[in-house]
Protein backbone atom coordinates (compact mmCIF):
# COMPACT_ATOMS: atom_id res chain seq x y z
CA MET A 1 -56.88 9.61 134.37
CA GLY A 2 -56.67 12.54 131.99
CA GLN A 3 -59.89 13.93 133.44
CA ILE A 4 -58.47 13.70 136.96
CA LEU A 5 -55.25 15.50 136.04
CA GLN A 6 -57.13 18.21 134.20
CA TYR A 7 -59.48 18.69 137.15
CA PHE A 8 -56.87 18.89 139.91
CA SER A 9 -53.60 20.03 138.35
CA SER A 10 -54.86 23.51 137.54
CA GLU A 11 -55.47 26.34 139.98
CA PRO A 12 -58.05 25.29 142.62
CA PRO A 13 -61.57 26.35 141.68
CA VAL A 14 -63.37 29.09 143.59
CA CYS A 15 -66.67 28.21 145.26
CA LYS A 16 -69.01 30.82 146.73
CA THR A 17 -71.91 28.77 148.08
CA GLU A 18 -72.46 25.76 150.32
CA GLU A 19 -73.83 23.83 147.35
CA ASP A 20 -70.70 24.52 145.28
CA LEU A 21 -68.39 23.38 148.07
CA LEU A 22 -70.30 20.17 148.72
CA ASN A 23 -70.50 19.41 144.99
CA TYR A 24 -66.73 19.80 144.75
CA ALA A 25 -66.20 17.49 147.73
CA TRP A 26 -68.49 14.80 146.27
CA LYS A 27 -66.78 15.12 142.90
CA SER A 28 -63.44 14.43 144.59
CA VAL A 29 -64.97 11.18 145.91
CA ARG A 30 -66.04 10.12 142.42
CA LEU A 31 -62.58 10.94 141.03
CA LYS A 32 -60.84 9.40 144.07
CA CYS A 33 -58.65 12.46 144.64
CA VAL A 34 -59.52 13.28 148.21
CA ASP A 35 -56.77 15.58 149.52
CA THR A 36 -57.06 18.37 146.95
CA LEU A 37 -57.81 22.02 147.66
CA VAL A 38 -60.71 24.27 146.80
CA LYS A 39 -60.99 28.01 147.39
CA ASN A 40 -64.01 29.52 149.10
CA GLU A 41 -64.80 33.22 148.77
CA VAL A 42 -66.06 34.55 152.11
CA THR A 43 -66.63 37.94 153.67
CA LEU A 44 -64.89 38.35 157.01
CA LYS A 45 -67.10 39.77 159.72
CA MET A 46 -65.93 43.05 161.18
CA ARG A 47 -66.28 43.77 164.89
CA GLY A 48 -68.02 46.93 165.97
CA MET A 49 -69.80 48.46 168.91
CA TYR A 50 -72.89 46.29 168.40
CA GLY A 51 -71.19 43.01 167.55
CA CYS A 52 -70.03 41.34 164.34
CA SER A 53 -71.25 42.37 160.92
CA GLU A 54 -70.42 41.55 157.30
CA ASN A 55 -71.12 45.13 156.28
CA ASN A 56 -67.88 46.65 154.97
CA GLY A 57 -66.24 43.27 155.55
CA ILE A 58 -63.18 42.09 153.69
CA LYS A 59 -63.56 39.42 151.01
CA VAL A 60 -60.91 36.71 151.15
CA LEU A 61 -60.27 33.32 149.57
CA LYS A 62 -59.93 30.45 152.02
CA GLU A 63 -58.57 27.05 151.06
CA TYR A 64 -60.22 23.83 152.23
CA THR A 65 -59.89 20.10 151.61
CA PRO A 66 -62.95 17.93 150.86
CA LEU A 67 -62.77 16.44 154.38
CA VAL A 68 -62.75 19.90 155.95
CA ILE A 69 -65.84 20.76 153.88
CA ALA A 70 -67.57 17.60 155.12
CA CYS A 71 -66.75 18.53 158.72
CA MET A 72 -67.88 22.15 158.36
CA TYR A 73 -71.22 21.14 156.90
CA ARG A 74 -71.64 18.06 159.12
CA ASP A 75 -71.94 15.65 156.19
CA LEU A 76 -71.09 12.38 157.95
CA LYS A 77 -71.71 10.22 154.87
CA LEU A 78 -69.32 12.32 152.78
CA ALA A 79 -66.65 12.27 155.48
CA THR A 80 -66.92 8.48 155.82
CA LYS A 81 -66.44 7.97 152.07
CA LEU A 82 -63.49 10.37 151.96
CA ILE A 83 -61.74 8.59 154.83
CA LYS A 84 -62.34 5.18 153.26
CA LEU A 85 -60.66 6.48 150.10
CA GLY A 86 -57.63 7.54 152.13
CA ALA A 87 -58.25 11.17 153.05
CA ASP A 88 -55.64 12.43 155.52
CA VAL A 89 -57.49 13.14 158.78
CA ASN A 90 -54.57 15.22 160.07
CA LEU A 91 -54.01 17.33 156.95
CA CYS A 92 -54.03 21.05 157.83
CA PRO A 93 -54.97 23.32 154.93
CA GLN A 94 -53.54 26.81 155.33
CA GLU A 95 -57.06 28.17 154.77
CA ASN A 96 -55.71 31.67 154.23
CA ARG A 97 -52.28 31.61 152.58
CA PHE A 98 -51.60 35.15 153.78
CA ALA A 99 -52.39 34.34 157.42
CA SER A 100 -49.56 34.37 159.94
CA GLU A 101 -50.76 31.25 161.75
CA GLU A 102 -50.70 27.65 160.64
CA GLY A 103 -53.71 25.78 159.34
CA VAL A 104 -55.87 23.50 161.46
CA PRO A 105 -56.99 19.90 160.77
CA PRO A 106 -60.53 18.64 160.06
CA LEU A 107 -60.93 17.87 163.79
CA TYR A 108 -61.03 21.58 164.57
CA TYR A 109 -63.92 22.16 162.16
CA ALA A 110 -65.84 19.09 163.37
CA THR A 111 -65.43 20.19 166.98
CA ASN A 112 -66.65 23.70 166.32
CA ALA A 113 -69.59 22.44 164.32
CA ARG A 114 -70.47 20.68 167.60
CA ASP A 115 -70.69 17.36 165.74
CA ALA A 116 -69.97 14.53 168.18
CA GLU A 117 -70.45 11.79 165.56
CA MET A 118 -67.98 13.47 163.21
CA VAL A 119 -65.46 13.90 166.04
CA LYS A 120 -65.80 10.20 166.92
CA LEU A 121 -65.26 9.24 163.26
CA LEU A 122 -62.08 11.32 163.08
CA PHE A 123 -60.69 9.91 166.32
CA ASN A 124 -61.48 6.34 165.23
CA SER A 125 -59.72 7.06 161.93
CA GLY A 126 -56.48 8.23 163.54
CA ALA A 127 -56.95 11.95 164.17
CA ASP A 128 -54.23 13.23 166.51
CA VAL A 129 -56.00 14.56 169.60
CA ASN A 130 -52.81 16.27 170.84
CA GLY A 131 -51.54 17.54 167.51
CA LEU A 132 -53.52 20.78 167.46
CA LYS A 133 -52.44 23.92 169.29
CA GLY A 134 -55.69 25.60 168.34
CA ARG A 135 -56.53 28.79 166.55
CA GLN A 136 -56.23 32.32 167.88
CA GLN A 137 -59.45 33.68 169.36
CA TYR A 138 -60.62 37.24 169.89
CA LEU A 139 -60.52 37.82 173.64
CA ASN A 140 -59.88 40.68 176.05
CA LEU A 141 -56.78 38.85 177.19
CA GLN A 142 -53.28 40.29 177.09
CA GLU A 143 -51.26 37.60 178.86
CA PRO A 144 -50.42 34.82 178.51
CA VAL A 145 -50.54 35.11 174.73
CA THR A 146 -50.65 31.32 174.29
CA GLU A 147 -54.05 31.32 176.01
CA LEU A 148 -55.48 33.20 173.04
CA TYR A 149 -55.24 29.93 171.12
CA SER A 150 -58.00 27.37 171.61
CA ILE A 151 -59.15 24.08 170.12
CA PHE A 152 -62.69 25.40 170.59
CA ASP A 153 -63.81 28.33 168.47
CA ILE A 154 -65.38 30.94 170.73
CA ASN A 155 -67.10 32.68 167.80
CA ARG A 156 -68.65 29.61 166.25
CA GLY A 157 -69.76 31.26 163.03
CA THR A 158 -66.20 32.12 162.06
CA TYR A 159 -64.86 28.72 161.07
CA SER A 160 -67.79 26.30 161.31
CA ARG A 161 -71.09 26.15 159.51
CA SER A 162 -74.18 24.00 159.74
CA ALA A 163 -75.53 22.30 156.66
CA LYS A 164 -79.19 22.98 156.08
CA SER A 165 -79.71 19.31 155.33
CA CYS A 166 -78.18 18.06 158.61
CA SER A 167 -80.86 17.16 161.14
CA ARG A 168 -78.58 15.62 163.79
CA PRO A 169 -78.56 17.62 167.05
CA GLN A 170 -75.42 19.50 167.98
CA ALA A 171 -73.45 18.27 170.97
CA SER A 172 -72.70 20.25 174.11
CA LEU A 173 -69.19 21.38 174.97
CA GLN A 174 -69.25 18.92 177.85
CA ASP A 175 -69.91 15.99 175.48
CA LEU A 176 -67.09 17.11 173.19
CA VAL A 177 -64.65 17.49 176.07
CA GLU A 178 -65.44 13.94 177.17
CA LEU A 179 -64.67 12.67 173.66
CA TYR A 180 -61.31 14.44 173.75
CA LEU A 181 -60.55 12.93 177.15
CA GLU A 182 -61.45 9.43 175.95
CA ALA A 183 -59.12 9.93 172.98
CA GLY A 184 -56.20 10.74 175.29
CA ALA A 185 -56.08 14.55 175.31
CA LYS A 186 -53.40 16.03 177.55
CA LEU A 187 -55.09 17.77 180.45
CA ASN A 188 -52.61 20.51 181.29
CA THR A 189 -51.15 21.31 177.89
CA THR A 190 -54.27 21.23 175.70
CA ARG A 191 -55.62 24.72 175.03
CA TRP A 192 -59.17 24.18 176.22
CA GLY A 193 -60.24 27.80 175.63
CA PRO A 194 -63.70 28.51 177.08
CA CYS A 195 -63.89 25.00 178.60
CA LEU A 196 -61.37 25.93 181.29
CA PHE A 197 -60.12 29.04 183.06
CA TYR A 198 -57.52 31.27 181.44
CA GLY A 199 -54.20 32.14 183.03
CA ARG A 200 -52.25 28.90 182.95
CA GLY A 201 -48.91 29.26 184.66
CA ARG A 202 -50.35 31.81 187.12
CA VAL A 203 -49.94 34.53 184.50
CA PHE A 204 -53.12 36.45 183.87
CA LYS A 205 -53.70 39.95 182.56
CA ALA A 206 -57.03 40.87 181.02
CA ASN A 207 -59.12 43.89 180.22
CA ARG A 208 -62.71 44.37 181.23
CA PRO A 209 -65.27 43.85 178.42
CA THR A 210 -65.30 46.82 176.08
CA THR A 211 -67.84 48.48 173.80
CA LEU A 212 -66.14 46.69 170.90
CA ASN A 213 -68.02 43.55 171.96
CA ILE A 214 -64.88 41.44 172.33
CA PRO A 215 -65.77 38.56 174.67
CA GLY A 216 -64.16 37.13 177.73
CA PRO A 217 -61.99 35.95 179.08
CA TYR A 218 -64.66 33.74 180.62
CA PHE A 219 -65.18 30.00 180.88
CA LYS A 220 -67.94 27.39 181.06
CA CYS A 221 -68.28 26.32 184.68
CA ASP A 222 -69.60 22.80 183.93
CA THR A 223 -66.70 21.83 181.66
CA ALA A 224 -64.19 23.45 184.02
CA ILE A 225 -65.40 21.23 186.88
CA LEU A 226 -65.35 18.20 184.59
CA LEU A 227 -61.71 18.85 183.66
CA LEU A 228 -60.74 19.38 187.30
CA GLN A 229 -62.33 16.06 188.17
CA HIS A 230 -60.40 14.28 185.41
CA GLY A 231 -57.07 15.62 186.64
CA VAL A 232 -56.36 19.22 185.63
CA ASP A 233 -53.86 20.69 188.10
CA PRO A 234 -55.58 23.63 189.86
CA ASN A 235 -52.24 24.92 191.20
CA MET A 236 -51.40 26.18 187.71
CA TYR A 237 -53.96 28.96 188.25
CA ASN A 238 -54.57 31.79 190.69
CA LEU A 239 -57.88 31.37 192.50
CA SER A 240 -58.52 35.12 192.48
CA ASP A 241 -58.16 35.12 188.67
CA VAL A 242 -60.61 32.24 188.42
CA TRP A 243 -63.07 34.21 190.57
CA PHE A 244 -62.61 37.27 188.35
CA GLN A 245 -63.54 35.23 185.28
CA PHE A 246 -66.38 33.42 187.03
CA SER A 247 -67.98 36.62 188.31
CA GLY A 248 -67.73 38.27 184.91
CA HIS A 249 -69.39 35.59 182.84
CA ASN A 250 -72.74 36.17 184.56
CA CYS A 251 -72.79 39.94 184.12
CA PHE A 252 -75.62 39.83 181.58
CA ARG A 253 -77.26 36.50 182.41
CA SER A 254 -79.05 34.64 185.14
CA ASN A 255 -76.84 32.12 186.92
CA ASN A 256 -79.62 29.55 187.37
CA ASP A 257 -77.88 27.16 184.99
CA CYS A 258 -74.42 27.51 186.55
CA VAL A 259 -72.76 26.05 189.59
CA GLN A 260 -72.28 28.12 192.71
CA PHE A 261 -68.81 29.52 193.23
CA SER A 262 -68.63 27.62 196.52
CA THR A 263 -69.04 24.36 194.53
CA LEU A 264 -66.30 25.38 192.14
CA LEU A 265 -64.10 26.32 195.10
CA GLU A 266 -64.71 22.98 196.82
CA THR A 267 -63.83 21.16 193.58
CA PHE A 268 -60.68 23.27 193.32
CA LEU A 269 -59.63 22.21 196.81
CA GLY A 270 -60.64 18.60 196.23
CA ALA A 271 -58.41 18.51 193.13
CA GLY A 272 -55.45 19.40 195.34
CA TYR A 273 -55.27 23.20 195.31
CA HIS A 274 -53.04 24.79 197.94
CA LEU A 275 -54.51 27.98 199.36
CA THR A 276 -52.19 30.98 199.30
CA SER A 277 -52.05 33.96 201.64
CA ALA A 278 -53.62 36.05 198.87
CA ASP A 279 -56.57 33.64 198.76
CA ILE A 280 -57.03 33.75 202.51
CA ASN A 281 -56.90 37.57 202.52
CA ASN A 282 -59.55 37.75 199.77
CA ARG A 283 -62.80 38.50 201.61
CA PHE A 284 -65.08 36.88 199.07
CA ILE A 285 -62.99 33.70 198.85
CA ARG A 286 -62.74 33.56 202.63
CA GLU A 287 -66.54 33.82 202.95
CA ASN A 288 -67.02 30.98 200.45
CA LEU A 289 -64.50 28.86 202.34
CA LYS A 290 -66.69 29.22 205.43
CA ARG A 291 -69.70 28.04 203.43
CA ILE A 292 -67.98 24.74 202.71
CA ASP A 293 -66.72 24.47 206.32
CA VAL A 294 -63.06 25.11 205.54
CA ASN A 295 -61.17 26.69 208.41
CA VAL A 296 -57.98 28.24 207.04
CA GLU A 297 -56.47 28.17 210.55
CA GLU A 298 -56.60 24.38 210.65
CA PRO A 299 -54.48 21.93 208.60
CA VAL A 300 -56.00 20.05 205.67
CA SER A 301 -57.91 16.96 206.77
CA LEU A 302 -56.21 13.56 206.54
CA LYS A 303 -59.02 12.42 204.25
CA GLN A 304 -58.32 15.22 201.79
CA MET A 305 -54.55 14.72 202.02
CA CYS A 306 -54.97 11.06 201.08
CA ARG A 307 -57.23 11.92 198.15
CA SER A 308 -54.81 14.54 196.83
CA ALA A 309 -51.82 12.21 197.15
CA ILE A 310 -53.58 9.35 195.34
CA ARG A 311 -54.81 11.62 192.54
CA GLN A 312 -51.35 13.13 192.12
CA ARG A 313 -49.75 9.69 191.82
CA LEU A 314 -52.41 8.55 189.34
CA SER A 315 -51.90 11.71 187.30
CA LYS A 316 -48.19 10.97 186.94
CA SER A 317 -48.82 7.37 185.90
CA SER A 318 -51.49 8.50 183.42
CA LYS A 319 -49.02 10.91 181.77
CA ASP A 320 -51.29 13.95 181.97
CA THR A 321 -54.35 12.20 180.52
CA THR A 322 -57.57 11.52 182.41
CA ILE A 323 -57.12 9.65 185.68
CA PHE A 324 -60.60 8.07 185.57
CA PRO A 325 -59.51 4.81 183.84
CA ALA A 326 -56.79 4.36 186.47
CA ILE A 327 -59.29 4.96 189.28
CA ASP A 328 -61.66 2.40 187.77
CA THR A 329 -58.95 -0.29 187.94
CA ILE A 330 -58.52 0.11 191.71
CA HIS A 331 -60.34 -2.58 193.69
CA ILE A 332 -62.27 -0.32 196.04
CA PRO A 333 -66.02 0.34 196.54
CA THR A 334 -67.78 2.58 194.01
CA GLN A 335 -68.35 5.18 196.71
CA LEU A 336 -64.60 5.55 197.20
CA LYS A 337 -64.03 5.70 193.43
CA ASN A 338 -66.53 8.54 193.21
CA TYR A 339 -64.71 10.26 196.08
CA LEU A 340 -61.43 10.08 194.14
CA LYS A 341 -63.27 11.42 191.08
CA LEU A 342 -64.58 14.37 193.18
CA ARG A 343 -68.13 13.28 192.45
CA ASP A 344 -68.97 13.52 196.14
CA ILE A 345 -68.86 17.29 195.59
CA ILE A 346 -70.88 17.32 192.37
CA ASP A 347 -71.53 14.72 189.69
CA ILE A 348 -71.52 17.12 186.76
CA CYS A 349 -72.49 14.41 184.26
CA SER A 350 -75.63 13.39 186.19
CA SER A 351 -76.65 16.83 187.37
CA SER A 352 -78.98 19.26 185.63
CA ILE A 353 -76.20 21.87 185.51
CA TYR A 354 -75.70 23.15 182.00
CA CYS A 355 -73.76 26.40 181.72
CA ARG A 356 -75.49 28.44 179.04
CA ALA A 357 -73.08 31.36 179.16
CA ASN A 358 -72.38 32.38 175.58
CA PHE A 359 -69.42 34.57 174.74
């Protein structure tokens, strides 16, 4: 007991390397003191015209718990032992005591290390899927300010690291989003970041990309469609803003791995979007509406009205979580279930679509 008090009652030790951090975390397992803090000296990357660099960066001390260290370095065995010993899966270390924002829990680090097995472990151990507002990201986005916060780190190297000894493959954003949905994530209040369009509440003001290499605001088209299918309300967004973001994210890449805008538009409408006069007067949107045989002069089809009404009712009963489980309980043919899930437009989980846009 004296050894434990001597080890943890003093000022937290400072670790500079991955090996030091992992050794500290394993030592906390042996001493059965699993929610203590350790400081890590890091050099913050500075943004410049040609991207991020550690040259002339600022050295700071960040504070982590052993479970955060396990999540950052994808050490599943270490995380399992820590949780069995009672580590708090929702504990949020401040990380930087001089930062203006609050700390984030181990789930944030596991997610941004793209570690599906670690995320599953945390959820199964009681991690609060709706308890995290996210961390502020660097985006060319002025309004709404809340959209700058995301549960997914856009610049992955900032807060997550990959252990050299970890051979498990990293998960896709789509796989991680599905884990969040299974755990009961709120669809329209969770800050999905690059997994969904920006501009919730029909408020959107952004700058064009600059020479300072600040990304976005862009989104992954495959995860955006997935979230629409599960019940995200498209009427919270302006379609013209969505098109602005969609067109921008392919400026420097081939779009062979992305969906067509007409597919995204059809999913938008299938999810219950109400076209506005601004949408109809937008030449590009109007041309894409013709491609999917939508005549803006005619009323919405009875088939679509029924789908929208059923999905809206299911969304209310599901309390803003995924509507898929509710659809699966309805005694109707699989074809009709897929229609309610918008899979008649595109089955994103079975398709070869994999948005490789990297911001």
